[in-house]
Structure formats: C-alpha cells, structure tokens
Amino acid sequence: MGEIVAATVMAILCGGANLVLLRLVLVGVARLRSGSRGHGPGRMASSST
C-alpha cells in the first residue's frame, strides 16, 4: 500500500511540475510575441498573469 501511495504522490508531483513548465512556456511565448509587437494587448495580458 505504501508503494502505491508513494507512486501516486510522485505522479501528482510530476504532473504538477509539467503543468508549471507548460505555463512557463506559454507565458514565455506570449511575452516574445508581445515583445515583437512592442505595444498593444500583449503587454496587458502578460502583466495580468
């Protein structure tokens, strides 16, 4: 039982880390796009996150 719980916790932690990495990548892409434009709604979107 302990091993199953440990494996489940590890899976949840790994999934959370993947979600954080995905969010960081999405924010980075959004900042790059807004940076290339220089102005507009891109800055507001990046500042709201």
PDB file of N, CA and C in Angstrom:
ATOM      1  N   MET A   1       0.844  -1.211   0.000  1.00  0.00           N
ATOM      2  CA  MET A   1       0.000   0.000   0.000  1.00  0.00           C
ATOM      3  C   MET A   1       0.870   1.249   0.000  1.00  0.00           C
ATOM      4  N   GLY A   2       1.936   1.234   0.794  1.00  0.00           N
ATOM      5  CA  GLY A   2       2.815   2.406   0.866  1.00  0.00           C
ATOM      6  C   GLY A   2       3.417   2.746  -0.485  1.00  0.00           C
ATOM      7  N   GLU A   3       3.826   1.702  -1.217  1.00  0.00           N
ATOM      8  CA  GLU A   3       4.437   1.960  -2.530  1.00  0.00           C
ATOM      9  C   GLU A   3       3.421   2.586  -3.484  1.00  0.00           C
ATOM     10  N   ILE A   4       2.179   2.119  -3.414  1.00  0.00           N
ATOM     11  CA  ILE A   4       1.140   2.669  -4.302  1.00  0.00           C
ATOM     12  C   ILE A   4       0.916   4.144  -3.984  1.00  0.00           C
ATOM     13  N   VAL A   5       0.852   4.465  -2.697  1.00  0.00           N
ATOM     14  CA  VAL A   5       0.642   5.861  -2.297  1.00  0.00           C
ATOM     15  C   VAL A   5       1.819   6.706  -2.757  1.00  0.00           C
ATOM     16  N   ALA A   6       3.034   6.192  -2.571  1.00  0.00           N
ATOM     17  CA  ALA A   6       4.223   6.939  -2.982  1.00  0.00           C
ATOM     18  C   ALA A   6       4.211   7.172  -4.489  1.00  0.00           C
ATOM     19  N   ALA A   7       3.845   6.137  -5.247  1.00  0.00           N
ATOM     20  CA  ALA A   7       3.808   6.272  -6.705  1.00  0.00           C
ATOM     21  C   ALA A   7       2.751   7.298  -7.115  1.00  0.00           C
ATOM     22  N   THR A   8       1.611   7.281  -6.425  1.00  0.00           N
ATOM     23  CA  THR A   8       0.548   8.247  -6.748  1.00  0.00           C
ATOM     24  C   THR A   8       1.011   9.666  -6.453  1.00  0.00           C
ATOM     25  N   VAL A   9       1.654   9.858  -5.304  1.00  0.00           N
ATOM     26  CA  VAL A   9       2.150  11.193  -4.942  1.00  0.00           C
ATOM     27  C   VAL A   9       3.174  11.664  -5.963  1.00  0.00           C
ATOM     28  N   MET A  10       4.077  10.759  -6.358  1.00  0.00           N
ATOM     29  CA  MET A  10       5.099  11.135  -7.343  1.00  0.00           C
ATOM     30  C   MET A  10       4.443  11.517  -8.666  1.00  0.00           C
ATOM     31  N   ALA A  11       3.416  10.763  -9.066  1.00  0.00           N
ATOM     32  CA  ALA A  11       2.732  11.064 -10.328  1.00  0.00           C
ATOM     33  C   ALA A  11       2.074  12.437 -10.255  1.00  0.00           C
ATOM     34  N   ILE A  12       1.452  12.744  -9.108  1.00  0.00           N
ATOM     35  CA  ILE A  12       0.795  14.054  -8.954  1.00  0.00           C
ATOM     36  C   ILE A  12       1.849  15.161  -8.982  1.00  0.00           C
ATOM     37  N   LEU A  13       2.961  14.946  -8.282  1.00  0.00           N
ATOM     38  CA  LEU A  13       4.012  15.971  -8.253  1.00  0.00           C
ATOM     39  C   LEU A  13       4.587  16.175  -9.650  1.00  0.00           C
ATOM     40  N   CYS A  14       4.826  15.073 -10.363  1.00  0.00           N
ATOM     41  CA  CYS A  14       5.367  15.194 -11.722  1.00  0.00           C
ATOM     42  C   CYS A  14       4.362  15.908 -12.622  1.00  0.00           C
ATOM     43  N   GLY A  15       3.090  15.572 -12.479  1.00  0.00           N
ATOM     44  CA  GLY A  15       2.062  16.232 -13.286  1.00  0.00           C
ATOM     45  C   GLY A  15       2.015  17.719 -12.985  1.00  0.00           C
ATOM     46  N   GLY A  16       2.122  18.079 -11.699  1.00  0.00           N
ATOM     47  CA  GLY A  16       2.121  19.493 -11.338  1.00  0.00           C
ATOM     48  C   GLY A  16       3.323  20.202 -11.934  1.00  0.00           C
ATOM     49  N   ALA A  17       4.489  19.545 -11.893  1.00  0.00           N
ATOM     50  CA  ALA A  17       5.690  20.159 -12.464  1.00  0.00           C
ATOM     51  C   ALA A  17       5.505  20.370 -13.962  1.00  0.00           C
ATOM     52  N   ASN A  18       4.887  19.385 -14.634  1.00  0.00           N
ATOM     53  CA  ASN A  18       4.657  19.527 -16.075  1.00  0.00           C
ATOM     54  C   ASN A  18       3.718  20.693 -16.352  1.00  0.00           C
ATOM     55  N   LEU A  19       2.686  20.855 -15.512  1.00  0.00           N
ATOM     56  CA  LEU A  19       1.752  21.973 -15.710  1.00  0.00           C
ATOM     57  C   LEU A  19       2.481  23.298 -15.522  1.00  0.00           C
ATOM     58  N   VAL A  20       3.346  23.369 -14.518  1.00  0.00           N
ATOM     59  CA  VAL A  20       4.094  24.612 -14.279  1.00  0.00           C
ATOM     60  C   VAL A  20       4.996  24.909 -15.466  1.00  0.00           C
ATOM     61  N   LEU A  21       5.686  23.876 -15.982  1.00  0.00           N
ATOM     62  CA  LEU A  21       6.568  24.084 -17.136  1.00  0.00           C
ATOM     63  C   LEU A  21       5.757  24.535 -18.341  1.00  0.00           C
ATOM     64  N   LEU A  22       4.598  23.910 -18.550  1.00  0.00           N
ATOM     65  CA  LEU A  22       3.744  24.307 -19.680  1.00  0.00           C
ATOM     66  C   LEU A  22       3.339  25.767 -19.543  1.00  0.00           C
ATOM     67  N   ARG A  23       2.955  26.180 -18.327  1.00  0.00           N
ATOM     68  CA  ARG A  23       2.532  27.566 -18.113  1.00  0.00           C
ATOM     69  C   ARG A  23       3.692  28.518 -18.367  1.00  0.00           C
ATOM     70  N   LEU A  24       4.893  28.132 -17.897  1.00  0.00           N
ATOM     71  CA  LEU A  24       6.066  28.994 -18.116  1.00  0.00           C
ATOM     72  C   LEU A  24       6.343  29.140 -19.606  1.00  0.00           C
ATOM     73  N   VAL A  25       6.234  28.035 -20.346  1.00  0.00           N
ATOM     74  CA  VAL A  25       6.482  28.095 -21.796  1.00  0.00           C
ATOM     75  C   VAL A  25       5.445  28.992 -22.468  1.00  0.00           C
ATOM     76  N   LEU A  26       4.172  28.818 -22.084  1.00  0.00           N
ATOM     77  CA  LEU A  26       3.110  29.635 -22.697  1.00  0.00           C
ATOM     78  C   LEU A  26       3.329  31.107 -22.389  1.00  0.00           C
ATOM     79  N   VAL A  27       3.682  31.428 -21.148  1.00  0.00           N
ATOM     80  CA  VAL A  27       3.926  32.829 -20.772  1.00  0.00           C
ATOM     81  C   VAL A  27       5.125  33.364 -21.541  1.00  0.00           C
ATOM     82  N   GLY A  28       6.164  32.536 -21.693  1.00  0.00           N
ATOM     83  CA  GLY A  28       7.348  32.975 -22.435  1.00  0.00           C
ATOM     84  C   GLY A  28       7.013  33.269 -23.885  1.00  0.00           C
ATOM     85  N   VAL A  29       6.224  32.402 -24.508  1.00  0.00           N
ATOM     86  CA  VAL A  29       5.832  32.629 -25.905  1.00  0.00           C
ATOM     87  C   VAL A  29       4.994  33.897 -26.013  1.00  0.00           C
ATOM     88  N   ALA A  30       4.077  34.088 -25.067  1.00  0.00           N
ATOM     89  CA  ALA A  30       3.225  35.290 -25.097  1.00  0.00           C
ATOM     90  C   ALA A  30       4.084  36.537 -24.952  1.00  0.00           C
ATOM     91  N   ARG A  31       5.097  36.485 -24.086  1.00  0.00           N
ATOM     92  CA  ARG A  31       5.964  37.654 -23.899  1.00  0.00           C
ATOM     93  C   ARG A  31       6.780  37.907 -25.156  1.00  0.00           C
ATOM     94  N   LEU A  32       7.243  36.839 -25.805  1.00  0.00           N
ATOM     95  CA  LEU A  32       8.019  37.023 -27.038  1.00  0.00           C
ATOM     96  C   LEU A  32       7.148  37.671 -28.107  1.00  0.00           C
ATOM     97  N   ARG A  33       5.910  37.208 -28.218  1.00  0.00           N
ATOM     98  CA  ARG A  33       5.009  37.776 -29.228  1.00  0.00           C
ATOM     99  C   ARG A  33       4.710  39.236 -28.915  1.00  0.00           C
ATOM    100  N   SER A  34       4.425  39.539 -27.652  1.00  0.00           N
ATOM    101  CA  SER A  34       4.113  40.920 -27.284  1.00  0.00           C
ATOM    102  C   SER A  34       5.359  41.786 -27.446  1.00  0.00           C
ATOM    103  N   GLY A  35       6.540  41.194 -27.197  1.00  0.00           N
ATOM    104  CA  GLY A  35       7.781  41.948 -27.349  1.00  0.00           C
ATOM    105  C   GLY A  35       8.026  42.301 -28.801  1.00  0.00           C
ATOM    106  N   SER A  36       7.705  41.364 -29.715  1.00  0.00           N
ATOM    107  CA  SER A  36       7.921  41.634 -31.137  1.00  0.00           C
ATOM    108  C   SER A  36       6.983  42.738 -31.612  1.00  0.00           C
ATOM    109  N   ARG A  37       5.785  42.800 -31.033  1.00  0.00           N
ATOM    110  CA  ARG A  37       4.840  43.863 -31.404  1.00  0.00           C
ATOM    111  C   ARG A  37       5.274  45.187 -30.780  1.00  0.00           C
ATOM    112  N   GLY A  38       5.725  45.113 -29.515  1.00  0.00           N
ATOM    113  CA  GLY A  38       6.191  46.328 -28.852  1.00  0.00           C
ATOM    114  C   GLY A  38       5.085  47.038 -28.100  1.00  0.00           C
ATOM    115  N   HIS A  39       3.840  46.867 -28.499  1.00  0.00           N
ATOM    116  CA  HIS A  39       2.730  47.543 -27.817  1.00  0.00           C
ATOM    117  C   HIS A  39       1.439  46.816 -28.142  1.00  0.00           C
ATOM    118  N   GLY A  40       0.356  47.171 -27.421  1.00  0.00           N
ATOM    119  CA  GLY A  40      -0.922  46.533 -27.692  1.00  0.00           C
ATOM    120  C   GLY A  40      -1.396  45.674 -26.531  1.00  0.00           C
ATOM    121  N   PRO A  41      -2.368  44.808 -26.783  1.00  0.00           N
ATOM    122  CA  PRO A  41      -2.952  43.983 -25.716  1.00  0.00           C
ATOM    123  C   PRO A  41      -1.977  42.937 -25.169  1.00  0.00           C
ATOM    124  N   GLY A  42      -0.892  42.679 -25.881  1.00  0.00           N
ATOM    125  CA  GLY A  42       0.070  41.684 -25.413  1.00  0.00           C
ATOM    126  C   GLY A  42       0.632  42.035 -24.052  1.00  0.00           C
ATOM    127  N   ARG A  43       0.988  43.304 -23.868  1.00  0.00           N
ATOM    128  CA  ARG A  43       1.552  43.705 -22.576  1.00  0.00           C
ATOM    129  C   ARG A  43       0.534  43.534 -21.460  1.00  0.00           C
ATOM    130  N   MET A  44      -0.708  43.909 -21.714  1.00  0.00           N
ATOM    131  CA  MET A  44      -1.732  43.794 -20.678  1.00  0.00           C
ATOM    132  C   MET A  44      -1.928  42.329 -20.293  1.00  0.00           C
ATOM    133  N   ALA A  45      -1.901  41.445 -21.268  1.00  0.00           N
ATOM    134  CA  ALA A  45      -2.099  40.026 -20.990  1.00  0.00           C
ATOM    135  C   ALA A  45      -0.943  39.490 -20.154  1.00  0.00           C
ATOM    136  N   SER A  46       0.290  39.896 -20.475  1.00  0.00           N
ATOM    137  CA  SER A  46       1.444  39.385 -19.746  1.00  0.00           C
ATOM    138  C   SER A  46       1.479  39.957 -18.338  1.00  0.00           C
ATOM    139  N   SER A  47       1.015  41.199 -18.153  1.00  0.00           N
ATOM    140  CA  SER A  47       1.057  41.808 -16.824  1.00  0.00           C
ATOM    141  C   SER A  47      -0.040  41.235 -15.935  1.00  0.00           C
ATOM    142  N   SER A  48      -1.118  40.756 -16.533  1.00  0.00           N
ATOM    143  CA  SER A  48      -2.226  40.231 -15.737  1.00  0.00           C
ATOM    144  C   SER A  48      -1.884  38.856 -15.170  1.00  0.00           C
ATOM    145  N   THR A  49      -0.962  38.131 -15.768  1.00  0.00           N
ATOM    146  CA  THR A  49      -0.622  36.788 -15.288  1.00  0.00           C
ATOM    147  C   THR A  49       0.212  36.879 -14.037  1.00  0.00           C
TER     148      THR A  49
END
